[in-house]
Amino acid sequence: LKLLTFLPLRTGLSLGGREGFSLSGGFGLDFGLVFLDLGIVNKNALLPNNSKGVGLSLDCGLRL
């Protein structure tokens, strides 16, 4: 069941590897022809105030 089909939510979890523990979240705006995705990740912490770093990502484009 999708209540907000134009706003897909995303979450992620990474364990191990070079980066260690990471928790991520994001959302996308889908307007059919145009899309925009935004994401954020906390490195080595569950909460932002204990994080060893933060990563941001942005993706936008056209579907032709």
PDB file of N, CA and C in Angstrom:
ATOM      1  N   LEU A   1       0.847  -1.186   0.000  1.00  0.00           N
ATOM      2  CA  LEU A   1       0.000   0.000   0.000  1.00  0.00           C
ATOM      3  C   LEU A   1       0.885   1.239   0.000  1.00  0.00           C
ATOM      4  N   LYS A   2       0.753   2.072  -0.998  1.00  0.00           N
ATOM      5  CA  LYS A   2       1.511   3.309  -1.079  1.00  0.00           C
ATOM      6  C   LYS A   2       0.562   4.479  -0.905  1.00  0.00           C
ATOM      7  N   LEU A   3       0.726   5.197   0.194  1.00  0.00           N
ATOM      8  CA  LEU A   3      -0.125   6.350   0.444  1.00  0.00           C
ATOM      9  C   LEU A   3       0.370   7.585  -0.297  1.00  0.00           C
ATOM     10  N   LEU A   4       1.687   7.750  -0.360  1.00  0.00           N
ATOM     11  CA  LEU A   4       2.279   8.898  -1.039  1.00  0.00           C
ATOM     12  C   LEU A   4       3.170   8.389  -2.165  1.00  0.00           C
ATOM     13  N   THR A   5       2.598   8.072  -3.296  1.00  0.00           N
ATOM     14  CA  THR A   5       3.375   7.488  -4.392  1.00  0.00           C
ATOM     15  C   THR A   5       4.396   8.456  -4.967  1.00  0.00           C
ATOM     16  N   PHE A   6       4.187   9.754  -4.812  1.00  0.00           N
ATOM     17  CA  PHE A   6       5.126  10.733  -5.342  1.00  0.00           C
ATOM     18  C   PHE A   6       6.304  10.961  -4.390  1.00  0.00           C
ATOM     19  N   LEU A   7       6.268  10.404  -3.151  1.00  0.00           N
ATOM     20  CA  LEU A   7       7.306  10.626  -2.154  1.00  0.00           C
ATOM     21  C   LEU A   7       7.816   9.293  -1.594  1.00  0.00           C
ATOM     22  N   PRO A   8       8.675   8.584  -2.342  1.00  0.00           N
ATOM     23  CA  PRO A   8       9.211   7.325  -1.825  1.00  0.00           C
ATOM     24  C   PRO A   8      10.246   7.567  -0.730  1.00  0.00           C
ATOM     25  N   LEU A   9      10.103   6.888   0.408  1.00  0.00           N
ATOM     26  CA  LEU A   9      11.045   6.991   1.514  1.00  0.00           C
ATOM     27  C   LEU A   9      12.033   5.844   1.437  1.00  0.00           C
ATOM     28  N   ARG A  10      13.269   6.118   1.879  1.00  0.00           N
ATOM     29  CA  ARG A  10      14.320   5.107   1.819  1.00  0.00           C
ATOM     30  C   ARG A  10      15.082   5.083   3.143  1.00  0.00           C
ATOM     31  N   THR A  11      15.523   3.903   3.555  1.00  0.00           N
ATOM     32  CA  THR A  11      16.388   3.755   4.719  1.00  0.00           C
ATOM     33  C   THR A  11      17.455   2.724   4.398  1.00  0.00           C
ATOM     34  N   GLY A  12      18.551   2.778   5.142  1.00  0.00           N
ATOM     35  CA  GLY A  12      19.613   1.814   4.921  1.00  0.00           C
ATOM     36  C   GLY A  12      20.467   1.636   6.159  1.00  0.00           C
ATOM     37  N   LEU A  13      21.149   0.500   6.224  1.00  0.00           N
ATOM     38  CA  LEU A  13      22.015   0.157   7.338  1.00  0.00           C
ATOM     39  C   LEU A  13      23.233  -0.555   6.774  1.00  0.00           C
ATOM     40  N   SER A  14      24.407  -0.149   7.223  1.00  0.00           N
ATOM     41  CA  SER A  14      25.650  -0.781   6.794  1.00  0.00           C
ATOM     42  C   SER A  14      26.406  -1.249   8.025  1.00  0.00           C
ATOM     43  N   LEU A  15      26.882  -2.487   7.998  1.00  0.00           N
ATOM     44  CA  LEU A  15      27.652  -3.052   9.107  1.00  0.00           C
ATOM     45  C   LEU A  15      28.972  -3.582   8.573  1.00  0.00           C
ATOM     46  N   GLY A  16      30.080  -3.145   9.180  1.00  0.00           N
ATOM     47  CA  GLY A  16      31.390  -3.658   8.798  1.00  0.00           C
ATOM     48  C   GLY A  16      31.986  -2.918   7.620  1.00  0.00           C
ATOM     49  N   GLY A  17      33.068  -3.457   7.109  1.00  0.00           N
ATOM     50  CA  GLY A  17      33.770  -2.826   6.001  1.00  0.00           C
ATOM     51  C   GLY A  17      34.633  -1.664   6.468  1.00  0.00           C
ATOM     52  N   ARG A  18      35.165  -0.909   5.543  1.00  0.00           N
ATOM     53  CA  ARG A  18      36.033   0.232   5.881  1.00  0.00           C
ATOM     54  C   ARG A  18      35.305   1.324   6.640  1.00  0.00           C
ATOM     55  N   GLU A  19      34.050   1.545   6.318  1.00  0.00           N
ATOM     56  CA  GLU A  19      33.284   2.624   6.938  1.00  0.00           C
ATOM     57  C   GLU A  19      32.709   2.256   8.302  1.00  0.00           C
ATOM     58  N   GLY A  20      32.660   0.982   8.650  1.00  0.00           N
ATOM     59  CA  GLY A  20      32.072   0.559   9.918  1.00  0.00           C
ATOM     60  C   GLY A  20      30.554   0.624   9.867  1.00  0.00           C
ATOM     61  N   PHE A  21      29.951   1.048  10.961  1.00  0.00           N
ATOM     62  CA  PHE A  21      28.499   1.130  11.073  1.00  0.00           C
ATOM     63  C   PHE A  21      27.992   2.427  10.456  1.00  0.00           C
ATOM     64  N   SER A  22      26.984   2.351   9.625  1.00  0.00           N
ATOM     65  CA  SER A  22      26.373   3.538   9.021  1.00  0.00           C
ATOM     66  C   SER A  22      24.867   3.369   8.952  1.00  0.00           C
ATOM     67  N   LEU A  23      24.153   4.440   9.202  1.00  0.00           N
ATOM     68  CA  LEU A  23      22.700   4.469   9.128  1.00  0.00           C
ATOM     69  C   LEU A  23      22.306   5.578   8.155  1.00  0.00           C
ATOM     70  N   SER A  24      21.414   5.276   7.219  1.00  0.00           N
ATOM     71  CA  SER A  24      21.052   6.267   6.206  1.00  0.00           C
ATOM     72  C   SER A  24      19.546   6.379   6.046  1.00  0.00           C
ATOM     73  N   GLY A  25      19.138   7.483   5.485  1.00  0.00           N
ATOM     74  CA  GLY A  25      17.734   7.725   5.190  1.00  0.00           C
ATOM     75  C   GLY A  25      17.618   8.733   4.065  1.00  0.00           C
ATOM     76  N   GLY A  26      16.470   8.764   3.449  1.00  0.00           N
ATOM     77  CA  GLY A  26      16.282   9.708   2.361  1.00  0.00           C
ATOM     78  C   GLY A  26      14.876   9.641   1.813  1.00  0.00           C
ATOM     79  N   PHE A  27      14.643  10.464   0.826  1.00  0.00           N
ATOM     80  CA  PHE A  27      13.353  10.491   0.165  1.00  0.00           C
ATOM     81  C   PHE A  27      13.546  10.924  -1.270  1.00  0.00           C
ATOM     82  N   GLY A  28      12.536  10.709  -2.050  1.00  0.00           N
ATOM     83  CA  GLY A  28      12.550  11.125  -3.440  1.00  0.00           C
ATOM     84  C   GLY A  28      11.253  11.810  -3.791  1.00  0.00           C
ATOM     85  N   LEU A  29      11.338  12.717  -4.717  1.00  0.00           N
ATOM     86  CA  LEU A  29      10.145  13.359  -5.277  1.00  0.00           C
ATOM     87  C   LEU A  29      10.019  12.878  -6.708  1.00  0.00           C
ATOM     88  N   ASP A  30       8.899  12.272  -7.021  1.00  0.00           N
ATOM     89  CA  ASP A  30       8.682  11.694  -8.345  1.00  0.00           C
ATOM     90  C   ASP A  30       7.506  12.399  -9.006  1.00  0.00           C
ATOM     91  N   PHE A  31       7.795  13.144 -10.052  1.00  0.00           N
ATOM     92  CA  PHE A  31       6.763  13.878 -10.780  1.00  0.00           C
ATOM     93  C   PHE A  31       6.549  13.316 -12.179  1.00  0.00           C
ATOM     94  N   GLY A  32       6.877  12.030 -12.343  1.00  0.00           N
ATOM     95  CA  GLY A  32       6.695  11.391 -13.639  1.00  0.00           C
ATOM     96  C   GLY A  32       7.881  11.631 -14.548  1.00  0.00           C
ATOM     97  N   LEU A  33       7.940  12.770 -15.198  1.00  0.00           N
ATOM     98  CA  LEU A  33       9.027  13.097 -16.118  1.00  0.00           C
ATOM     99  C   LEU A  33      10.268  13.587 -15.380  1.00  0.00           C
ATOM    100  N   VAL A  34      10.086  14.238 -14.248  1.00  0.00           N
ATOM    101  CA  VAL A  34      11.187  14.810 -13.466  1.00  0.00           C
ATOM    102  C   VAL A  34      11.247  14.107 -12.112  1.00  0.00           C
ATOM    103  N   PHE A  35      12.476  13.814 -11.635  1.00  0.00           N
ATOM    104  CA  PHE A  35      12.625  13.212 -10.313  1.00  0.00           C
ATOM    105  C   PHE A  35      13.751  13.889  -9.544  1.00  0.00           C
ATOM    106  N   LEU A  36      13.675  13.829  -8.220  1.00  0.00           N
ATOM    107  CA  LEU A  36      14.670  14.392  -7.322  1.00  0.00           C
ATOM    108  C   LEU A  36      14.808  13.451  -6.136  1.00  0.00           C
ATOM    109  N   ASP A  37      16.029  13.007  -5.838  1.00  0.00           N
ATOM    110  CA  ASP A  37      16.308  12.116  -4.708  1.00  0.00           C
ATOM    111  C   ASP A  37      17.302  12.796  -3.782  1.00  0.00           C
ATOM    112  N   LEU A  38      17.068  12.696  -2.469  1.00  0.00           N
ATOM    113  CA  LEU A  38      17.942  13.275  -1.461  1.00  0.00           C
ATOM    114  C   LEU A  38      18.207  12.226  -0.392  1.00  0.00           C
ATOM    115  N   GLY A  39      19.476  12.083   0.015  1.00  0.00           N
ATOM    116  CA  GLY A  39      19.835  11.100   1.027  1.00  0.00           C
ATOM    117  C   GLY A  39      20.877  11.643   1.981  1.00  0.00           C
ATOM    118  N   ILE A  40      20.909  11.098   3.203  1.00  0.00           N
ATOM    119  CA  ILE A  40      21.891  11.466   4.219  1.00  0.00           C
ATOM    120  C   ILE A  40      22.333  10.199   4.942  1.00  0.00           C
ATOM    121  N   VAL A  41      23.603  10.143   5.333  1.00  0.00           N
ATOM    122  CA  VAL A  41      24.135   8.989   6.055  1.00  0.00           C
ATOM    123  C   VAL A  41      24.956   9.481   7.245  1.00  0.00           C
ATOM    124  N   ASN A  42      24.767   8.850   8.406  1.00  0.00           N
ATOM    125  CA  ASN A  42      25.592   9.064   9.597  1.00  0.00           C
ATOM    126  C   ASN A  42      26.626   7.959   9.641  1.00  0.00           C
ATOM    127  N   LYS A  43      27.888   8.311   9.812  1.00  0.00           N
ATOM    128  CA  LYS A  43      28.950   7.311   9.824  1.00  0.00           C
ATOM    129  C   LYS A  43      29.355   6.964  11.247  1.00  0.00           C
ATOM    130  N   ASN A  44      29.371   5.676  11.551  1.00  0.00           N
ATOM    131  CA  ASN A  44      29.799   5.128  12.839  1.00  0.00           C
ATOM    132  C   ASN A  44      28.963   5.588  14.020  1.00  0.00           C
ATOM    133  N   ALA A  45      27.696   5.919  13.828  1.00  0.00           N
ATOM    134  CA  ALA A  45      26.830   6.317  14.932  1.00  0.00           C
ATOM    135  C   ALA A  45      25.366   6.184  14.537  1.00  0.00           C
ATOM    136  N   LEU A  46      24.524   5.993  15.545  1.00  0.00           N
ATOM    137  CA  LEU A  46      23.095   5.919  15.311  1.00  0.00           C
ATOM    138  C   LEU A  46      22.483   7.319  15.285  1.00  0.00           C
ATOM    139  N   LEU A  47      22.987   8.230  16.096  1.00  0.00           N
ATOM    140  CA  LEU A  47      22.481   9.601  16.178  1.00  0.00           C
ATOM    141  C   LEU A  47      23.504  10.582  15.608  1.00  0.00           C
ATOM    142  N   PRO A  48      23.042  11.676  15.003  1.00  0.00           N
ATOM    143  CA  PRO A  48      23.959  12.632  14.364  1.00  0.00           C
ATOM    144  C   PRO A  48      24.975  13.266  15.319  1.00  0.00           C
ATOM    145  N   ASN A  49      24.624  13.485  16.586  1.00  0.00           N
ATOM    146  CA  ASN A  49      25.564  14.152  17.490  1.00  0.00           C
ATOM    147  C   ASN A  49      26.737  13.260  17.884  1.00  0.00           C
ATOM    148  N   ASN A  50      26.662  11.943  17.672  1.00  0.00           N
ATOM    149  CA  ASN A  50      27.762  11.014  17.949  1.00  0.00           C
ATOM    150  C   ASN A  50      28.476  10.573  16.678  1.00  0.00           C
ATOM    151  N   SER A  51      28.122  11.117  15.560  1.00  0.00           N
ATOM    152  CA  SER A  51      28.612  10.673  14.270  1.00  0.00           C
ATOM    153  C   SER A  51      30.076  11.049  14.047  1.00  0.00           C
ATOM    154  N   LYS A  52      30.790  10.216  13.285  1.00  0.00           N
ATOM    155  CA  LYS A  52      32.162  10.492  12.874  1.00  0.00           C
ATOM    156  C   LYS A  52      32.210  11.198  11.520  1.00  0.00           C
ATOM    157  N   GLY A  53      31.057  11.486  10.976  1.00  0.00           N
ATOM    158  CA  GLY A  53      30.961  12.159   9.692  1.00  0.00           C
ATOM    159  C   GLY A  53      29.570  11.981   9.118  1.00  0.00           C
ATOM    160  N   VAL A  54      29.245  12.831   8.186  1.00  0.00           N
ATOM    161  CA  VAL A  54      27.929  12.805   7.544  1.00  0.00           C
ATOM    162  C   VAL A  54      28.143  12.890   6.039  1.00  0.00           C
ATOM    163  N   GLY A  55      27.369  12.118   5.309  1.00  0.00           N
ATOM    164  CA  GLY A  55      27.395  12.191   3.854  1.00  0.00           C
ATOM    165  C   GLY A  55      26.037  12.600   3.322  1.00  0.00           C
ATOM    166  N   LEU A  56      26.040  13.441   2.308  1.00  0.00           N
ATOM    167  CA  LEU A  56      24.809  13.887   1.655  1.00  0.00           C
ATOM    168  C   LEU A  56      24.859  13.495   0.184  1.00  0.00           C
ATOM    169  N   SER A  57      23.712  13.185  -0.369  1.00  0.00           N
ATOM    170  CA  SER A  57      23.650  12.905  -1.795  1.00  0.00           C
ATOM    171  C   SER A  57      22.395  13.533  -2.395  1.00  0.00           C
ATOM    172  N   LEU A  58      22.527  13.955  -3.625  1.00  0.00           N
ATOM    173  CA  LEU A  58      21.418  14.560  -4.355  1.00  0.00           C
ATOM    174  C   LEU A  58      21.475  14.062  -5.785  1.00  0.00           C
ATOM    175  N   ASP A  59      20.348  13.632  -6.282  1.00  0.00           N
ATOM    176  CA  ASP A  59      20.246  13.148  -7.654  1.00  0.00           C
ATOM    177  C   ASP A  59      18.983  13.719  -8.270  1.00  0.00           C
ATOM    178  N   CYS A  60      19.085  14.269  -9.444  1.00  0.00           N
ATOM    179  CA  CYS A  60      17.898  14.766 -10.141  1.00  0.00           C
ATOM    180  C   CYS A  60      18.065  14.467 -11.630  1.00  0.00           C
ATOM    181  N   GLY A  61      16.946  14.376 -12.305  1.00  0.00           N
ATOM    182  CA  GLY A  61      17.015  14.089 -13.723  1.00  0.00           C
ATOM    183  C   GLY A  61      15.659  14.081 -14.403  1.00  0.00           C
ATOM    184  N   LEU A  62      15.713  13.787 -15.694  1.00  0.00           N
ATOM    185  CA  LEU A  62      14.532  13.701 -16.547  1.00  0.00           C
ATOM    186  C   LEU A  62      14.402  12.292 -17.074  1.00  0.00           C
ATOM    187  N   ARG A  63      13.190  11.800 -17.144  1.00  0.00           N
ATOM    188  CA  ARG A  63      12.918  10.521 -17.787  1.00  0.00           C
ATOM    189  C   ARG A  63      12.414  10.801 -19.196  1.00  0.00           C
ATOM    190  N   LEU A  64      13.163  10.398 -20.172  1.00  0.00           N
ATOM    191  CA  LEU A  64      12.789  10.663 -21.563  1.00  0.00           C
ATOM    192  C   LEU A  64      12.288   9.421 -22.242  1.00  0.00           C
TER     193      LEU A  64
END
